[in-house]
Amino acid sequence: MHDVAARAELEGKGVVFAGDTLDTGVCHMAFFNDPDGNDLMLHHRYTPYD
């Protein structure tokens, strides 16, 4: 699943992200917490490995 679609799906289920999706030039990352307070990250590498 594409990272934007995954984030939208999670937000539709009530997940609140801590800020915008970050683009590092290699990957996209978005941070959130699960109901138990654990820190989690949605991650998608879009640059191919050499």
N, C-alpha and C. Protein backbone atom coordinates (compact mmCIF):
# COMPACT_ATOMS: atom_id res chain seq x y z
N MET A 1 0.85 -1.18 0.00
CA MET A 1 0.00 0.00 0.00
C MET A 1 0.90 1.24 0.00
N HIS A 2 0.52 2.21 -0.75
CA HIS A 2 1.27 3.47 -0.83
C HIS A 2 1.21 4.17 0.53
N ASP A 3 2.29 4.85 0.92
CA ASP A 3 2.37 5.48 2.24
C ASP A 3 1.28 6.52 2.48
N VAL A 4 0.91 7.28 1.47
CA VAL A 4 -0.15 8.29 1.65
C VAL A 4 -1.48 7.59 1.91
N ALA A 5 -1.75 6.53 1.16
CA ALA A 5 -2.99 5.78 1.35
C ALA A 5 -3.02 5.10 2.72
N ALA A 6 -1.88 4.57 3.15
CA ALA A 6 -1.81 3.91 4.46
C ALA A 6 -2.09 4.91 5.58
N ARG A 7 -1.50 6.09 5.46
CA ARG A 7 -1.74 7.12 6.48
C ARG A 7 -3.21 7.53 6.50
N ALA A 8 -3.78 7.75 5.32
CA ALA A 8 -5.19 8.14 5.24
C ALA A 8 -6.09 7.07 5.84
N GLU A 9 -5.78 5.81 5.58
CA GLU A 9 -6.58 4.72 6.15
C GLU A 9 -6.49 4.72 7.67
N LEU A 10 -5.28 4.88 8.20
CA LEU A 10 -5.12 4.91 9.66
C LEU A 10 -5.81 6.12 10.28
N GLU A 11 -5.69 7.28 9.64
CA GLU A 11 -6.38 8.47 10.15
C GLU A 11 -7.88 8.27 10.13
N GLY A 12 -8.39 7.57 9.11
CA GLY A 12 -9.82 7.26 9.04
C GLY A 12 -10.29 6.36 10.17
N LYS A 13 -9.34 5.64 10.77
CA LYS A 13 -9.66 4.75 11.90
C LYS A 13 -9.37 5.42 13.24
N GLY A 14 -9.05 6.73 13.19
CA GLY A 14 -8.86 7.47 14.43
C GLY A 14 -7.43 7.66 14.89
N VAL A 15 -6.45 7.17 14.13
CA VAL A 15 -5.05 7.35 14.52
C VAL A 15 -4.67 8.81 14.33
N VAL A 16 -4.02 9.37 15.35
CA VAL A 16 -3.56 10.76 15.30
C VAL A 16 -2.04 10.74 15.14
N PHE A 17 -1.55 11.36 14.09
CA PHE A 17 -0.12 11.41 13.81
C PHE A 17 0.50 12.63 14.47
N ALA A 18 1.77 12.49 14.84
CA ALA A 18 2.51 13.57 15.48
C ALA A 18 3.19 14.41 14.40
N GLY A 19 2.44 15.24 13.72
CA GLY A 19 3.00 16.10 12.68
C GLY A 19 2.79 15.54 11.29
N ASP A 20 3.40 16.24 10.33
CA ASP A 20 3.29 15.88 8.93
C ASP A 20 4.17 14.68 8.60
N THR A 21 3.93 14.11 7.44
CA THR A 21 4.82 13.06 6.93
C THR A 21 6.13 13.71 6.52
N LEU A 22 7.23 13.14 6.97
CA LEU A 22 8.56 13.65 6.66
C LEU A 22 9.10 12.98 5.40
N ASP A 23 9.71 13.76 4.53
CA ASP A 23 10.36 13.25 3.33
C ASP A 23 11.86 13.48 3.50
N THR A 24 12.61 12.40 3.65
CA THR A 24 14.05 12.51 3.89
C THR A 24 14.88 12.55 2.62
N GLY A 25 14.22 12.41 1.47
CA GLY A 25 14.93 12.30 0.21
C GLY A 25 15.18 10.86 -0.17
N VAL A 26 14.91 9.95 0.76
CA VAL A 26 15.06 8.52 0.54
C VAL A 26 13.76 7.78 0.90
N CYS A 27 13.08 8.30 1.92
CA CYS A 27 11.88 7.64 2.41
C CYS A 27 10.89 8.66 2.97
N HIS A 28 9.69 8.18 3.19
CA HIS A 28 8.66 8.96 3.89
C HIS A 28 8.46 8.30 5.26
N MET A 29 8.29 9.13 6.30
CA MET A 29 8.08 8.64 7.66
C MET A 29 6.98 9.48 8.32
N ALA A 30 6.14 8.81 9.08
CA ALA A 30 5.10 9.48 9.86
C ALA A 30 5.00 8.78 11.21
N PHE A 31 5.01 9.56 12.28
CA PHE A 31 5.06 9.02 13.63
C PHE A 31 3.70 9.11 14.32
N PHE A 32 3.39 8.08 15.13
CA PHE A 32 2.14 8.05 15.88
C PHE A 32 2.32 7.13 17.08
N ASN A 33 1.32 7.09 17.95
CA ASN A 33 1.33 6.21 19.12
C ASN A 33 0.18 5.23 19.02
N ASP A 34 0.41 4.00 19.51
CA ASP A 34 -0.68 3.04 19.58
C ASP A 34 -1.49 3.31 20.86
N PRO A 35 -2.61 2.63 21.05
CA PRO A 35 -3.45 2.90 22.24
C PRO A 35 -2.73 2.68 23.57
N ASP A 36 -1.66 1.89 23.58
CA ASP A 36 -0.90 1.65 24.81
C ASP A 36 0.21 2.68 25.02
N GLY A 37 0.34 3.64 24.09
CA GLY A 37 1.34 4.69 24.22
C GLY A 37 2.68 4.36 23.59
N ASN A 38 2.78 3.22 22.89
CA ASN A 38 4.03 2.87 22.23
C ASN A 38 4.24 3.76 21.01
N ASP A 39 5.48 4.23 20.83
CA ASP A 39 5.83 5.04 19.67
C ASP A 39 5.95 4.12 18.45
N LEU A 40 5.28 4.51 17.37
CA LEU A 40 5.33 3.74 16.12
C LEU A 40 5.60 4.68 14.96
N MET A 41 6.05 4.11 13.85
CA MET A 41 6.36 4.91 12.68
C MET A 41 5.85 4.17 11.44
N LEU A 42 5.16 4.91 10.60
CA LEU A 42 4.80 4.44 9.27
C LEU A 42 5.97 4.83 8.38
N HIS A 43 6.55 3.85 7.66
CA HIS A 43 7.77 4.10 6.89
C HIS A 43 7.64 3.51 5.50
N HIS A 44 8.10 4.28 4.51
CA HIS A 44 8.11 3.78 3.13
C HIS A 44 9.36 4.30 2.44
N ARG A 45 10.25 3.39 2.08
CA ARG A 45 11.45 3.77 1.31
C ARG A 45 11.06 3.80 -0.16
N TYR A 46 11.27 4.93 -0.80
CA TYR A 46 10.91 5.04 -2.21
C TYR A 46 12.13 5.10 -3.13
N THR A 47 13.32 5.26 -2.58
CA THR A 47 14.54 5.27 -3.38
C THR A 47 15.10 3.85 -3.45
N PRO A 48 15.39 3.37 -4.65
CA PRO A 48 15.94 2.02 -4.76
C PRO A 48 17.30 1.90 -4.08
N TYR A 49 17.59 0.72 -3.59
CA TYR A 49 18.92 0.43 -3.06
C TYR A 49 19.90 0.33 -4.22
N ASP A 50 21.13 0.75 -4.01
CA ASP A 50 22.14 0.67 -5.08
C ASP A 50 22.60 -0.76 -5.27
